[in-house]
Amino acid sequence: MTFTQAHRIAIQPASDAQPCPHGSPHDRPVRAGPTARSMAMFENQQRDDVEKFIHKDPDTRRLYFRHQELNDKLDNAGRGCLALGDEELTRMKLEKLQAKNQLQRMWDSWSAPRH
């Protein structure tokens, strides 16, 4: 069994979800670990190190997946698949940036003793 097969999880669409002309993100399985796209913030790091970091504790894992959730929603909004008001869009972008910055600080702190 491959990593992808072993770590797929099902996501249920919200009851008020609008159909998307580009295909619903809820139609696609999501990996429980980092994907190639999601590892962009750690692009110069070894994948094994990134996976260890993400799964080191529940708070890191929660923040990482919250960042991914915001990234997916913002991508869908950009494609017209998710209607967001200006205030909500701005709030989500700010939260995503704050999560990324916090993850980067956590990474720097975690990886410093290792190198």
Protein backbone atom coordinates (compact mmCIF):
# COMPACT_ATOMS: atom_id res chain seq x y z
CA MET A 1 0.00 0.00 0.00
CA THR A 2 1.39 3.42 -0.94
CA PHE A 3 1.62 6.46 1.32
CA THR A 4 -1.25 8.04 -0.60
CA GLN A 5 -3.49 5.02 -0.28
CA ALA A 6 -2.74 4.60 3.41
CA HIS A 7 -3.41 8.21 4.35
CA ARG A 8 -6.52 9.18 2.41
CA ILE A 9 -9.42 10.59 4.35
CA ALA A 10 -12.91 11.44 3.22
CA ILE A 11 -14.24 14.96 3.46
CA GLN A 12 -17.96 15.56 3.51
CA PRO A 13 -19.26 18.68 1.75
CA ALA A 14 -21.15 21.22 3.81
CA SER A 15 -24.90 20.96 3.48
CA ASP A 16 -25.01 24.45 1.96
CA ALA A 17 -22.12 23.86 -0.45
CA GLN A 18 -22.59 25.37 -3.88
CA PRO A 19 -21.69 23.29 -6.94
CA CYS A 20 -18.44 24.39 -8.51
CA PRO A 21 -18.03 24.43 -12.30
CA HIS A 22 -14.42 23.31 -11.84
CA GLY A 23 -15.30 20.31 -9.70
CA SER A 24 -15.90 20.29 -6.01
CA PRO A 25 -12.86 20.09 -3.75
CA HIS A 26 -14.95 17.67 -1.70
CA ASP A 27 -14.88 15.19 -4.58
CA ARG A 28 -11.14 14.69 -4.17
CA PRO A 29 -9.49 12.63 -1.41
CA VAL A 30 -7.08 14.53 0.81
CA ARG A 31 -3.86 13.17 2.24
CA ALA A 32 -3.36 13.25 5.97
CA GLY A 33 0.29 14.20 5.44
CA PRO A 34 1.98 16.95 3.47
CA THR A 35 1.41 17.09 -0.27
CA ALA A 36 3.83 18.45 -2.86
CA ARG A 37 1.81 21.67 -3.11
CA SER A 38 1.48 22.03 0.64
CA MET A 39 5.20 21.59 1.18
CA ALA A 40 5.94 24.80 -0.73
CA MET A 41 6.55 26.68 2.51
CA PHE A 42 9.24 24.11 3.30
CA GLU A 43 10.53 23.78 -0.25
CA ASN A 44 14.23 23.72 0.69
CA GLN A 45 13.78 21.10 3.41
CA GLN A 46 13.90 17.31 3.36
CA ARG A 47 10.44 15.75 3.14
CA ASP A 48 11.14 13.37 6.04
CA ASP A 49 12.13 16.30 8.26
CA VAL A 50 9.00 18.22 7.30
CA GLU A 51 6.77 15.23 8.07
CA LYS A 52 8.46 14.75 11.46
CA PHE A 53 7.98 18.44 12.20
CA ILE A 54 4.30 18.49 11.19
CA HIS A 55 3.50 15.42 13.26
CA LYS A 56 5.65 16.32 16.29
CA ASP A 57 2.70 17.50 18.35
CA PRO A 58 -1.02 18.19 18.00
CA ASP A 59 -0.65 21.99 17.97
CA THR A 60 1.80 21.95 15.06
CA ARG A 61 -0.38 19.50 13.16
CA ARG A 62 -3.53 21.54 13.84
CA LEU A 63 -1.89 24.79 12.69
CA TYR A 64 -0.46 23.15 9.58
CA PHE A 65 -3.81 21.71 8.53
CA ARG A 66 -5.60 24.98 9.33
CA HIS A 67 -3.16 26.72 6.98
CA GLN A 68 -3.93 24.10 4.33
CA GLU A 69 -7.69 24.52 4.85
CA LEU A 70 -7.40 28.29 4.40
CA ASN A 71 -5.20 27.81 1.34
CA ASP A 72 -7.77 25.50 -0.26
CA LYS A 73 -10.66 27.87 0.48
CA LEU A 74 -8.76 30.84 -0.91
CA ASP A 75 -7.88 28.84 -4.04
CA ASN A 76 -11.55 27.93 -4.49
CA ALA A 77 -12.58 31.55 -3.99
CA GLY A 78 -10.04 32.61 -6.62
CA ARG A 79 -11.49 30.10 -9.10
CA GLY A 80 -15.03 31.28 -8.38
CA CYS A 81 -16.02 28.05 -6.62
CA LEU A 82 -16.53 29.67 -3.23
CA ALA A 83 -18.29 32.98 -2.73
CA LEU A 84 -16.59 35.13 -0.10
CA GLY A 85 -17.17 38.75 0.81
CA ASP A 86 -14.26 41.18 0.85
CA GLU A 87 -14.05 41.22 4.64
CA GLU A 88 -14.07 37.42 4.90
CA LEU A 89 -11.48 37.12 2.12
CA THR A 90 -9.21 39.64 3.85
CA ARG A 91 -9.65 37.91 7.21
CA MET A 92 -8.81 34.51 5.73
CA LYS A 93 -5.73 35.84 3.92
CA LEU A 94 -4.48 37.45 7.12
CA GLU A 95 -5.11 34.28 9.15
CA LYS A 96 -3.31 32.18 6.53
CA LEU A 97 -0.31 34.53 6.57
CA GLN A 98 -0.21 34.49 10.38
CA ALA A 99 -0.34 30.68 10.37
CA LYS A 100 2.48 30.52 7.82
CA ASN A 101 4.63 32.93 9.85
CA GLN A 102 3.97 30.99 13.05
CA LEU A 103 4.81 27.69 11.33
CA GLN A 104 8.03 29.22 10.02
CA ARG A 105 9.03 30.39 13.52
CA MET A 106 8.17 26.94 14.89
CA TRP A 107 10.23 25.31 12.13
CA ASP A 108 13.21 27.56 12.80
CA SER A 109 13.05 26.76 16.51
CA TRP A 110 12.59 23.03 15.91
CA SER A 111 15.27 22.67 13.24
CA ALA A 112 17.96 24.85 14.90
CA PRO A 113 19.14 22.16 17.37
CA ARG A 114 19.10 19.55 14.59
CA HIS A 115 21.61 21.38 12.37
